[in-house]
Amino acid sequence: QHKTLTMVSKMPPTSLLTASAILHCFFITNTHSYAPSRRTIGSFSRSKHVTTLLRSSPSNTFEEITSSSSDITPSLSSKIEQQQPHNNEVLTPPPSSSPSTTISPAATWHKNRRRQMLQKYGPQLTKLERDSSSNTLALSLLALSNLSLLSLAILCGTAQLSVGQIALLAVFPGSMFSLWTLQILHDCLHGSLLNKRQQKFMFGTVKRRTLQDAILFWGSMPSVFGYYLYLKYGHLTHHKSLGDPKAASLEKLFDSSSKEFEDGDVLFVAHRMKLKGKVGPKFKVGGREITMSISKTGFNNWREDKPLWNAGVFASSFMYERFMLMINDVVVAITGRNYFFPNKPIEFHQECAKYCRCAVLVRGLLWKMAGWKSLLFLYLSETLWSIPPHPACAMFVTNHGSNVDDSDGGGGCIPSSSTYAGRWYSLFTLGTNYHCEHHDFPTIPLHRLGELRKIAPEFYKKGSNDNVFRIMKKAFSKPEFYACMDAGIQHM
């Protein structure tokens, strides 16, 4: 394991545009595509366990989530050249420790699929996963996205655009750039952004962990609530806990004393999917304990077979919660504590405060330079891609449902799905639509995920003709449990 290093970043004293440029140093028929039926998968050998989740943590410590101590856990360093994979095993970076060592049935489903694919297509997948990174492409797109968001935000304020004009700019290209930023930072988190065989950068002066931390932190700006804290504390655990009724409850998330969220995606899916367990967060007011959940309050007002109503309720609760997150950032910046998570360790609150203070400073400078309309543009850009009728909403609201596959009569539940709506859709979402593929192989970079269907076609649905509007209509007509939480996972 690598020792933890920190990097002291000096903020330029000049304009916001200069600051951002320096700190961001550096891209419809009827079916929704799900993972395959049991009939197409076949048997697999249990003689060797293979790495399940491959990811890079903010601490630059890597480990693998497996069910046996016989699994290999090599570091992705210069030593990788001296180690040879056994059969089809993949030498890749293991992630940092998380709140629990067990994995959910849905995560096990992906683990078994991965093992079978490696058994059948080991050489191609090993090379794709171990050697590929988004690197120059993604860093260039991150710079393009963030500088474009900054420039458009300033334009919205200084040109005195109307609210309607600002909303149109936010729908396109603002929402696309915001989604690209999330996807590229997501690649950074999983260790697939930077060259996987390189441990030092910038002429050997900056270690991988230091650079990853800096990109993840500063690459989340400018924003009005940003993606940093979710990625740092909630996404990696999502890969091993998705659909776990013990981990995936609102009460557990808000009451937990672990530094990491048990499954950060629960904070989003609570607006649109059924969850088991009690609700949070809870506050004591006047000697009484009060439960306050924006997402649960909104979801309780859904009506079955009323997709337009449900879409409106979802959009309202989601956007209201994002607005309150922006307010909460100011509170955290001032007090140094995130009161929604009272039991988390001091390290969590210190990191929250550090990020919120920097983010609020950037927002304040932007407001001073271009007025409140600049922040309105950023707010809409960060929220509109997640709600209907935006096309990207289709993959966002259905990536972990409870679809039942009856193609072979087995009726097993499929916990993850991808949306195949053509090449332009994949470009627009920057590969976020390949969600089942990502959970099968988390460290394959964003621009190579589509190759999995070509290498192992029987594991994924054929075709690219998904109708995103029909997908949204189905999702908002009858809500499902999150990641097969209340159903039997399809046996592999």
Protein backbone atom coordinates (compact mmCIF):
# COMPACT_ATOMS: atom_id res chain seq x y z
CA GLN A 1 0.00 0.00 0.00
CA HIS A 2 1.10 3.49 -0.76
CA LYS A 3 1.52 6.00 2.06
CA THR A 4 -0.96 8.81 2.19
CA LEU A 5 0.38 12.04 0.84
CA THR A 6 -1.19 15.46 0.74
CA MET A 7 -0.81 18.26 -1.71
CA VAL A 8 -0.96 21.90 -0.76
CA SER A 9 -2.75 23.75 -3.53
CA LYS A 10 -2.11 27.46 -3.91
CA MET A 11 -5.03 29.46 -5.17
CA PRO A 12 -4.17 32.13 -7.73
CA PRO A 13 -4.98 35.63 -6.59
CA THR A 14 -6.45 36.80 -9.87
CA SER A 15 -9.82 36.36 -11.54
CA LEU A 16 -12.21 33.42 -11.19
CA LEU A 17 -11.66 32.44 -14.81
CA THR A 18 -7.90 32.26 -14.28
CA ALA A 19 -8.40 30.32 -11.07
CA SER A 20 -10.65 27.75 -12.72
CA ALA A 21 -8.36 27.36 -15.72
CA ILE A 22 -5.46 26.55 -13.44
CA LEU A 23 -7.33 24.35 -11.00
CA HIS A 24 -9.05 22.25 -13.70
CA CYS A 25 -5.69 21.43 -15.34
CA PHE A 26 -6.66 19.70 -17.73
CA PHE A 27 -16.43 14.30 -23.76
CA ILE A 28 -34.60 6.06 -30.23
CA THR A 29 -38.44 1.61 -30.59
CA ASN A 30 -39.55 0.00 -27.44
CA THR A 31 -37.17 -1.90 -25.26
CA HIS A 32 -34.93 -1.22 -22.34
CA SER A 33 -31.73 -3.23 -22.42
CA TYR A 34 -31.09 -5.52 -19.53
CA ALA A 35 -28.45 -8.09 -18.74
CA PRO A 36 -28.88 -11.56 -20.21
CA SER A 37 -31.04 -14.47 -19.24
CA ARG A 38 -29.70 -17.56 -17.54
CA ARG A 39 -29.97 -19.48 -20.76
CA THR A 40 -27.19 -17.46 -22.43
CA ILE A 41 -24.65 -17.70 -19.62
CA GLY A 42 -23.83 -21.29 -18.91
CA SER A 43 -21.75 -22.83 -16.15
CA PHE A 44 -18.51 -21.55 -14.69
CA SER A 45 -15.60 -22.92 -12.73
CA ARG A 46 -15.07 -22.07 -9.06
CA SER A 47 -11.43 -23.20 -9.02
CA LYS A 48 -10.22 -19.60 -8.88
CA HIS A 49 -11.84 -16.47 -7.53
CA VAL A 50 -11.33 -13.37 -9.62
CA THR A 51 -11.19 -9.75 -8.58
CA THR A 52 -14.75 -8.44 -8.30
CA LEU A 53 -14.65 -4.70 -7.91
CA LEU A 54 -11.71 -2.78 -9.25
CA ARG A 55 -11.53 0.78 -8.15
CA SER A 56 -9.22 3.50 -6.99
CA SER A 57 -10.02 5.14 -3.69
CA PRO A 58 -9.27 8.74 -2.76
CA SER A 59 -6.55 7.41 -0.46
CA ASN A 60 -4.88 5.73 -3.44
CA THR A 61 -4.99 2.46 -1.54
CA PHE A 62 -6.30 -0.38 -3.65
CA GLU A 63 -7.93 -3.62 -2.63
CA GLU A 64 -10.34 -6.09 -4.16
CA ILE A 65 -13.69 -7.20 -2.91
CA THR A 66 -13.75 -11.00 -3.15
CA SER A 67 -15.23 -13.91 -1.31
CA SER A 68 -12.02 -15.85 -0.79
CA SER A 69 -8.56 -15.14 0.54
CA SER A 70 -7.17 -17.02 -2.44
CA ASP A 71 -7.86 -14.06 -4.70
CA ILE A 72 -4.91 -12.11 -6.00
CA THR A 73 -4.41 -8.52 -4.87
CA PRO A 74 -1.43 -7.08 -6.74
CA SER A 75 -0.75 -3.35 -6.71
CA LEU A 76 -0.80 -1.55 -10.00
CA SER A 77 2.80 -0.38 -9.90
CA SER A 78 6.01 -1.24 -11.64
CA LYS A 79 5.78 -4.68 -10.05
CA ILE A 80 2.89 -5.50 -12.34
CA GLU A 81 5.39 -6.17 -15.11
CA GLN A 82 6.98 -8.89 -12.97
CA GLN A 83 3.70 -10.63 -12.13
CA GLN A 84 1.92 -12.87 -14.60
CA PRO A 85 -1.83 -13.42 -14.39
CA HIS A 86 -2.97 -16.95 -13.59
CA ASN A 87 -5.26 -18.21 -16.31
CA ASN A 88 -7.66 -15.32 -16.87
CA GLU A 89 -7.16 -13.44 -13.62
CA VAL A 90 -6.69 -9.71 -13.93
CA LEU A 91 -3.93 -7.77 -12.22
CA THR A 92 -5.59 -4.49 -11.37
CA PRO A 93 -5.74 -1.96 -8.55
CA PRO A 94 -7.63 -2.98 -5.42
CA PRO A 95 -9.74 -0.38 -3.57
CA SER A 96 -9.74 0.98 -0.05
CA SER A 97 -11.58 -0.59 2.81
CA SER A 98 -15.22 0.25 3.25
CA PRO A 99 -17.72 -0.03 6.09
CA SER A 100 -18.44 -3.71 5.49
CA THR A 101 -16.50 -6.64 4.07
CA THR A 102 -19.54 -8.45 2.68
CA ILE A 103 -21.13 -7.82 -0.67
CA SER A 104 -24.80 -7.74 -1.57
CA PRO A 105 -26.61 -10.31 -3.73
CA ALA A 106 -26.71 -7.77 -6.57
CA ALA A 107 -22.95 -7.20 -6.32
CA THR A 108 -22.44 -10.98 -6.23
CA TRP A 109 -24.50 -11.23 -9.42
CA HIS A 110 -22.05 -8.90 -11.15
CA LYS A 111 -19.11 -10.76 -9.65
CA ASN A 112 -20.33 -14.06 -11.08
CA ARG A 113 -20.95 -12.53 -14.51
CA ARG A 114 -17.46 -11.08 -14.47
CA ARG A 115 -15.95 -14.44 -13.58
CA GLN A 116 -17.76 -16.14 -16.43
CA MET A 117 -16.74 -13.50 -18.95
CA LEU A 118 -13.12 -13.71 -17.86
CA GLN A 119 -13.21 -17.46 -18.18
CA LYS A 120 -14.44 -17.22 -21.74
CA TYR A 121 -12.78 -14.00 -22.97
CA GLY A 122 -9.88 -13.62 -20.56
CA PRO A 123 -7.12 -12.35 -22.89
CA GLN A 124 -9.22 -9.58 -24.49
CA LEU A 125 -10.80 -8.44 -21.23
CA THR A 126 -7.55 -8.61 -19.28
CA LYS A 127 -5.82 -6.32 -21.73
CA LEU A 128 -8.78 -3.96 -21.94
CA GLU A 129 -9.11 -3.63 -18.18
CA ARG A 130 -5.46 -3.58 -17.19
CA ASP A 131 -4.01 -1.32 -19.85
CA SER A 132 -6.72 1.09 -20.97
CA SER A 133 -7.39 4.52 -19.47
CA SER A 134 -9.34 7.58 -20.58
CA ASN A 135 -6.31 9.80 -19.85
CA THR A 136 -5.75 12.55 -22.46
CA LEU A 137 -9.25 12.31 -23.92
CA ALA A 138 -11.05 12.61 -20.59
CA LEU A 139 -8.74 15.27 -19.14
CA SER A 140 -9.28 17.39 -22.23
CA LEU A 141 -13.05 16.92 -21.96
CA LEU A 142 -12.97 17.76 -18.25
CA ALA A 143 -11.25 21.05 -19.04
CA LEU A 144 -13.71 21.70 -21.87
CA SER A 145 -16.74 20.90 -19.70
CA ASN A 146 -15.77 22.96 -16.66
CA LEU A 147 -14.51 25.97 -18.61
CA SER A 148 -17.65 25.86 -20.76
CA LEU A 149 -19.86 25.74 -17.64
CA LEU A 150 -17.93 28.65 -16.18
CA SER A 151 -18.11 30.71 -19.36
CA LEU A 152 -21.81 30.02 -19.90
CA ALA A 153 -22.56 30.86 -16.26
CA ILE A 154 -20.80 34.21 -16.63
CA LEU A 155 -22.62 34.81 -19.93
CA CYS A 156 -26.02 34.16 -18.32
CA GLY A 157 -25.30 36.81 -15.72
CA THR A 158 -23.52 39.48 -17.71
CA ALA A 159 -25.70 39.29 -20.85
CA GLN A 160 -28.86 39.67 -18.78
CA LEU A 161 -30.51 36.62 -20.30
CA SER A 162 -34.05 35.78 -19.30
CA VAL A 163 -34.79 32.83 -17.05
CA GLY A 164 -36.23 30.98 -20.04
CA GLN A 165 -33.10 31.53 -22.09
CA ILE A 166 -30.97 30.36 -19.17
CA ALA A 167 -33.08 27.22 -18.86
CA LEU A 168 -32.61 26.44 -22.56
CA LEU A 169 -28.84 26.84 -22.24
CA ALA A 170 -28.90 24.59 -19.20
CA VAL A 171 -30.82 21.86 -21.05
CA PHE A 172 -28.21 21.97 -23.78
CA PRO A 173 -25.28 22.18 -23.63
CA GLY A 174 -25.13 22.86 -19.87
CA SER A 175 -26.60 19.55 -18.70
CA MET A 176 -24.36 17.62 -21.07
CA PHE A 177 -21.23 19.31 -19.75
CA SER A 178 -22.32 18.71 -16.16
CA LEU A 179 -22.93 15.01 -16.86
CA TRP A 180 -19.56 14.77 -18.60
CA THR A 181 -17.89 16.25 -15.54
CA LEU A 182 -19.52 13.63 -13.32
CA GLN A 183 -18.55 10.77 -15.61
CA ILE A 184 -14.92 11.86 -15.94
CA LEU A 185 -14.51 12.34 -12.20
CA HIS A 186 -16.14 8.93 -11.79
CA ASP A 187 -13.40 7.49 -14.03
CA CYS A 188 -10.84 9.22 -11.84
CA LEU A 189 -12.31 7.62 -8.73
CA HIS A 190 -12.12 4.13 -10.21
CA GLY A 191 -8.50 4.59 -11.28
CA SER A 192 -9.24 4.48 -15.02
CA LEU A 193 -8.57 8.14 -15.79
CA LEU A 194 -4.79 8.23 -15.39
CA ASN A 195 -2.30 5.82 -16.94
CA LYS A 196 -2.69 2.64 -14.90
CA ARG A 197 0.95 1.67 -15.20
CA GLN A 198 2.24 5.03 -14.03
CA GLN A 199 2.63 5.92 -10.37
CA LYS A 200 4.18 9.38 -10.69
CA PHE A 201 3.18 12.25 -12.96
CA MET A 202 4.36 15.71 -13.96
CA PHE A 203 7.97 14.67 -14.47
CA GLY A 204 7.90 12.36 -11.47
CA THR A 205 7.02 15.07 -8.95
CA VAL A 206 3.37 14.17 -8.20
CA LYS A 207 2.15 10.78 -7.00
CA ARG A 208 -0.95 9.14 -8.43
CA ARG A 209 -3.01 9.53 -5.27
CA THR A 210 -2.15 13.23 -4.96
CA LEU A 211 -3.11 13.97 -8.55
CA GLN A 212 -6.32 11.91 -8.35
CA ASP A 213 -7.35 13.75 -5.19
CA ALA A 214 -6.67 17.13 -6.79
CA ILE A 215 -8.62 16.30 -9.96
CA LEU A 216 -11.55 14.92 -7.96
CA PHE A 217 -11.63 17.95 -5.64
CA TRP A 218 -11.07 20.86 -8.02
CA GLY A 219 -12.63 19.15 -11.03
CA SER A 220 -15.99 19.33 -9.24
CA MET A 221 -16.04 23.11 -9.64
CA PRO A 222 -17.73 25.33 -10.66
CA SER A 223 -20.97 23.88 -9.29
CA VAL A 224 -23.81 24.74 -6.93
CA PHE A 225 -23.78 21.44 -5.04
CA GLY A 226 -21.23 19.38 -6.96
CA TYR A 227 -20.35 15.71 -7.16
CA TYR A 228 -17.26 15.55 -4.96
CA LEU A 229 -18.64 14.38 -1.61
CA TYR A 230 -20.84 11.71 -3.19
CA LEU A 231 -17.93 10.34 -5.21
CA LYS A 232 -15.47 10.46 -2.33
CA TYR A 233 -17.67 8.84 0.30
CA GLY A 234 -20.59 7.14 -1.43
CA HIS A 235 -19.83 5.63 -4.81
CA LEU A 236 -17.26 2.93 -4.18
CA THR A 237 -19.38 1.38 -1.43
CA HIS A 238 -22.32 1.46 -3.85
CA HIS A 239 -20.57 -1.16 -5.96
CA LYS A 240 -20.57 -3.73 -3.17
CA SER A 241 -23.76 -2.78 -1.32
CA LEU A 242 -26.31 -1.99 -4.05
CA GLY A 243 -29.66 -3.49 -3.18
CA ASP A 244 -28.56 -4.57 0.30
CA PRO A 245 -31.58 -3.92 2.57
CA LYS A 246 -29.31 -3.61 5.61
CA ALA A 247 -26.99 -1.05 4.04
CA ALA A 248 -29.42 0.62 1.65
CA SER A 249 -31.77 2.36 4.07
CA LEU A 250 -32.10 6.07 4.70
CA GLU A 251 -31.88 5.64 8.47
CA LYS A 252 -28.65 3.66 8.15
CA LEU A 253 -27.05 6.25 5.90
CA PHE A 254 -27.80 9.21 8.14
CA ASP A 255 -27.14 7.47 11.48
CA SER A 256 -23.98 5.61 10.51
CA SER A 257 -20.70 6.27 12.29
CA SER A 258 -18.67 5.08 9.31
CA LYS A 259 -16.73 7.66 7.34
CA GLU A 260 -18.13 6.28 4.09
CA PHE A 261 -21.77 6.00 3.14
CA GLU A 262 -22.94 2.38 3.07
CA ASP A 263 -24.38 3.03 -0.40
CA GLY A 264 -24.36 6.63 -1.58
CA ASP A 265 -26.81 5.96 -4.41
CA VAL A 266 -29.60 5.48 -1.88
CA LEU A 267 -29.62 9.26 -1.47
CA PHE A 268 -30.77 9.49 -5.12
CA VAL A 269 -32.94 6.41 -5.58
CA ALA A 270 -35.04 7.27 -2.51
CA HIS A 271 -36.76 9.85 -4.72
CA ARG A 272 -37.94 7.28 -7.25
CA MET A 273 -37.67 3.68 -5.98
CA LYS A 274 -38.89 1.54 -3.12
CA LEU A 275 -36.49 0.92 -0.25
CA LYS A 276 -36.63 -1.29 2.80
CA GLY A 277 -35.81 -0.10 6.29
CA LYS A 278 -36.55 2.99 8.32
CA VAL A 279 -36.29 6.59 7.17
CA GLY A 280 -33.78 9.32 8.03
CA PRO A 281 -32.43 11.83 8.81
CA LYS A 282 -33.73 12.47 12.32
CA PHE A 283 -33.40 15.62 14.39
CA LYS A 284 -34.23 16.44 18.01
CA VAL A 285 -36.41 19.53 18.29
CA GLY A 286 -37.81 20.62 21.64
CA GLY A 287 -37.18 17.23 23.20
CA ARG A 288 -38.90 15.42 20.33
CA GLU A 289 -37.31 13.37 17.57
CA ILE A 290 -38.46 14.45 14.13
CA THR A 291 -37.81 12.59 10.89
CA MET A 292 -37.28 14.88 7.91
CA SER A 293 -36.84 13.30 4.47
CA ILE A 294 -37.49 15.31 1.33
CA SER A 295 -37.07 12.26 -0.90
CA LYS A 296 -39.42 10.04 1.13
CA THR A 297 -42.04 12.77 1.43
CA GLY A 298 -42.05 13.19 -2.35
CA PHE A 299 -42.05 9.48 -3.11
CA ASN A 300 -44.99 8.87 -0.76
CA ASN A 301 -47.09 11.06 -3.07
CA TRP A 302 -46.57 8.88 -6.14
CA ARG A 303 -49.66 7.34 -7.72
CA GLU A 304 -49.53 4.04 -9.56
CA ASP A 305 -50.07 4.27 -13.35
CA LYS A 306 -49.85 8.09 -13.24
CA PRO A 307 -46.50 8.68 -14.98
CA LEU A 308 -46.94 12.40 -15.60
CA TRP A 309 -47.94 13.07 -12.00
CA ASN A 310 -45.10 10.93 -10.66
CA ALA A 311 -42.56 12.58 -12.94
CA GLY A 312 -43.67 15.98 -11.70
CA VAL A 313 -43.44 14.91 -8.04
CA PHE A 314 -40.00 13.41 -8.64
CA ALA A 315 -38.73 16.53 -10.39
CA SER A 316 -40.06 18.75 -7.59
CA SER A 317 -38.59 16.77 -4.69
CA PHE A 318 -35.28 16.20 -6.46
CA MET A 319 -34.76 19.84 -7.41
CA TYR A 320 -35.87 21.09 -4.00
CA GLU A 321 -33.41 18.76 -2.28
CA ARG A 322 -30.57 19.94 -4.56
CA PHE A 323 -31.42 23.54 -3.66
CA MET A 324 -31.27 22.69 0.04
CA LEU A 325 -27.90 21.01 -0.50
CA MET A 326 -26.63 24.32 -1.83
CA ILE A 327 -27.85 26.04 1.35
CA ASN A 328 -26.35 23.28 3.51
CA ASP A 329 -22.95 23.86 1.90
CA VAL A 330 -22.97 27.38 3.31
CA VAL A 331 -23.85 26.06 6.77
CA VAL A 332 -21.06 23.48 6.61
CA ALA A 333 -18.59 26.08 5.36
CA ILE A 334 -19.39 28.33 8.34
CA THR A 335 -19.73 25.76 11.12
CA GLY A 336 -17.29 23.10 9.91
CA ARG A 337 -19.83 20.34 10.48
CA ASN A 338 -22.45 18.51 8.39
CA TYR A 339 -25.37 18.18 10.80
CA PHE A 340 -27.22 15.66 8.63
CA PHE A 341 -24.60 13.07 9.61
CA PRO A 342 -24.03 13.63 13.34
CA ASN A 343 -22.34 10.31 14.09
CA LYS A 344 -19.68 10.35 11.39
CA PRO A 345 -16.04 10.79 12.45
CA ILE A 346 -14.26 14.13 12.55
CA GLU A 347 -12.35 13.32 9.34
CA PHE A 348 -15.62 13.27 7.42
CA HIS A 349 -16.70 16.66 8.75
CA GLN A 350 -13.28 18.19 8.14
CA GLU A 351 -13.31 17.06 4.51
CA CYS A 352 -16.88 18.32 4.07
CA ALA A 353 -15.89 21.69 5.51
CA LYS A 354 -12.79 21.97 3.34
CA TYR A 355 -14.70 21.27 0.16
CA CYS A 356 -17.68 23.47 1.07
CA ARG A 357 -15.46 26.43 1.92
CA CYS A 358 -13.67 26.23 -1.41
CA ALA A 359 -16.89 25.62 -3.36
CA VAL A 360 -18.76 28.45 -1.62
CA LEU A 361 -15.82 30.78 -2.26
CA VAL A 362 -15.94 29.99 -5.98
CA ARG A 363 -19.72 30.50 -6.02
CA GLY A 364 -19.36 33.78 -4.17
CA LEU A 365 -16.79 35.07 -6.64
CA LEU A 366 -19.02 33.97 -9.52
CA TRP A 367 -22.02 35.78 -8.00
CA LYS A 368 -19.94 38.93 -7.51
CA MET A 369 -18.71 38.76 -11.10
CA ALA A 370 -21.94 37.80 -12.92
CA GLY A 371 -24.82 37.90 -10.46
CA TRP A 372 -27.30 35.27 -9.25
CA LYS A 373 -28.25 34.15 -12.76
CA SER A 374 -24.82 32.55 -13.12
CA LEU A 375 -25.63 30.22 -10.22
CA LEU A 376 -29.11 29.57 -11.61
CA PHE A 377 -27.52 28.28 -14.80
CA LEU A 378 -25.23 25.93 -12.86
CA TYR A 379 -28.10 24.72 -10.68
CA LEU A 380 -30.25 23.87 -13.71
CA SER A 381 -27.34 22.26 -15.55
CA GLU A 382 -26.67 19.94 -12.60
CA THR A 383 -30.31 18.93 -12.07
CA LEU A 384 -32.10 18.89 -15.43
CA TRP A 385 -30.25 15.88 -16.88
CA SER A 386 -31.61 13.78 -13.99
CA ILE A 387 -35.31 14.54 -14.46
CA PRO A 388 -37.83 13.96 -17.28
CA PRO A 389 -38.23 14.70 -20.10
CA HIS A 390 -34.45 15.06 -20.46
CA PRO A 391 -33.18 12.05 -22.49
CA ALA A 392 -30.39 11.30 -19.98
CA CYS A 393 -33.03 10.77 -17.30
CA ALA A 394 -33.92 7.41 -18.89
CA MET A 395 -30.63 5.80 -17.95
CA PHE A 396 -30.45 7.63 -14.60
CA VAL A 397 -33.79 6.42 -13.22
CA THR A 398 -33.56 2.81 -14.46
CA ASN A 399 -29.93 1.78 -13.96
CA HIS A 400 -30.76 -0.31 -10.85
CA GLY A 401 -34.34 -1.52 -10.97
CA SER A 402 -36.01 -4.88 -10.44
CA ASN A 403 -36.73 -6.02 -13.96
CA VAL A 404 -37.81 -9.65 -14.22
CA ASP A 405 -36.34 -11.72 -17.04
CA ASP A 406 -38.79 -14.34 -18.30
CA SER A 407 -36.88 -15.19 -21.47
CA ASP A 408 -36.09 -18.68 -20.20
CA GLY A 409 -39.06 -19.11 -17.89
CA GLY A 410 -36.94 -18.58 -14.80
CA GLY A 411 -38.18 -15.14 -13.95
CA GLY A 412 -35.00 -14.05 -12.18
CA CYS A 413 -34.60 -10.41 -11.16
CA ILE A 414 -31.99 -8.29 -12.96
CA PRO A 415 -30.44 -5.65 -10.61
CA SER A 416 -28.62 -3.52 -13.21
CA SER A 417 -29.44 -2.33 -16.71
CA SER A 418 -27.96 -0.33 -19.56
CA THR A 419 -29.69 1.95 -22.05
CA TYR A 420 -28.76 1.45 -25.70
CA ALA A 421 -30.26 4.33 -27.67
CA GLY A 422 -27.66 4.77 -30.36
CA ARG A 423 -24.19 6.21 -30.80
CA TRP A 424 -25.25 9.82 -30.27
CA TYR A 425 -26.90 8.92 -26.97
CA SER A 426 -23.71 7.23 -25.78
CA LEU A 427 -21.74 10.33 -26.74
CA PHE A 428 -24.25 12.65 -25.09
CA THR A 429 -24.03 10.68 -21.82
CA LEU A 430 -20.31 9.95 -22.29
CA GLY A 431 -20.80 6.24 -21.70
CA THR A 432 -22.85 6.62 -18.51
CA ASN A 433 -25.56 4.61 -20.27
CA TYR A 434 -23.35 1.47 -20.15
CA HIS A 435 -24.20 0.92 -16.51
CA CYS A 436 -24.42 -2.86 -16.38
CA GLU A 437 -21.07 -3.04 -18.18
CA HIS A 438 -19.54 -0.66 -15.65
CA HIS A 439 -20.63 -2.79 -12.69
CA ASP A 440 -19.24 -5.88 -14.42
CA PHE A 441 -15.85 -4.21 -15.00
CA PRO A 442 -15.56 -1.00 -12.93
CA THR A 443 -12.08 0.02 -14.09
CA ILE A 444 -12.69 -0.10 -17.82
CA PRO A 445 -12.68 3.60 -18.84
CA LEU A 446 -15.74 5.44 -20.13
CA HIS A 447 -14.83 5.37 -23.83
CA ARG A 448 -14.11 1.59 -23.87
CA LEU A 449 -17.20 0.26 -22.05
CA GLY A 450 -19.08 -0.21 -25.31
CA GLU A 451 -16.44 -2.73 -26.42
CA LEU A 452 -17.66 -5.22 -23.82
CA ARG A 453 -20.75 -5.94 -25.92
CA LYS A 454 -18.51 -6.69 -28.90
CA ILE A 455 -16.17 -8.96 -26.94
CA ALA A 456 -18.88 -10.81 -24.99
CA PRO A 457 -22.12 -10.23 -26.98
CA GLU A 458 -24.11 -13.03 -25.34
CA PHE A 459 -23.85 -11.29 -21.95
CA TYR A 460 -25.60 -8.12 -23.14
CA LYS A 461 -28.70 -7.32 -25.10
CA LYS A 462 -28.31 -6.74 -28.80
CA GLY A 463 -29.47 -3.66 -30.63
CA SER A 464 -29.32 0.08 -30.07
CA ASN A 465 -32.94 1.08 -30.51
CA ASP A 466 -34.13 1.82 -26.97
CA ASN A 467 -36.83 4.47 -26.83
CA VAL A 468 -35.82 6.71 -23.92
CA PHE A 469 -39.28 8.25 -23.54
CA ARG A 470 -40.97 4.86 -23.25
CA ILE A 471 -38.34 3.87 -20.72
CA MET A 472 -39.17 6.94 -18.63
CA LYS A 473 -42.92 6.33 -18.95
CA LYS A 474 -42.49 2.77 -17.63
CA ALA A 475 -40.22 3.89 -14.78
CA PHE A 476 -42.67 6.56 -13.58
CA SER A 477 -45.80 4.44 -14.04
CA LYS A 478 -45.01 1.83 -11.41
CA PRO A 479 -41.97 2.24 -9.10
CA GLU A 480 -39.77 -0.78 -8.49
CA PHE A 481 -37.59 -1.86 -5.59
CA TYR A 482 -34.00 -0.69 -5.76
CA ALA A 483 -31.65 -3.28 -7.34
CA CYS A 484 -33.90 -6.29 -6.74
CA MET A 485 -34.03 -5.53 -3.01
CA ASP A 486 -37.34 -7.36 -2.62
CA ALA A 487 -36.89 -10.07 -5.25
CA GLY A 488 -34.78 -13.11 -5.98
CA ILE A 489 -31.66 -12.25 -7.97
CA GLN A 490 -31.31 -14.13 -11.23
CA HIS A 491 -29.11 -17.19 -10.67
CA MET A 492 -25.95 -17.31 -12.71
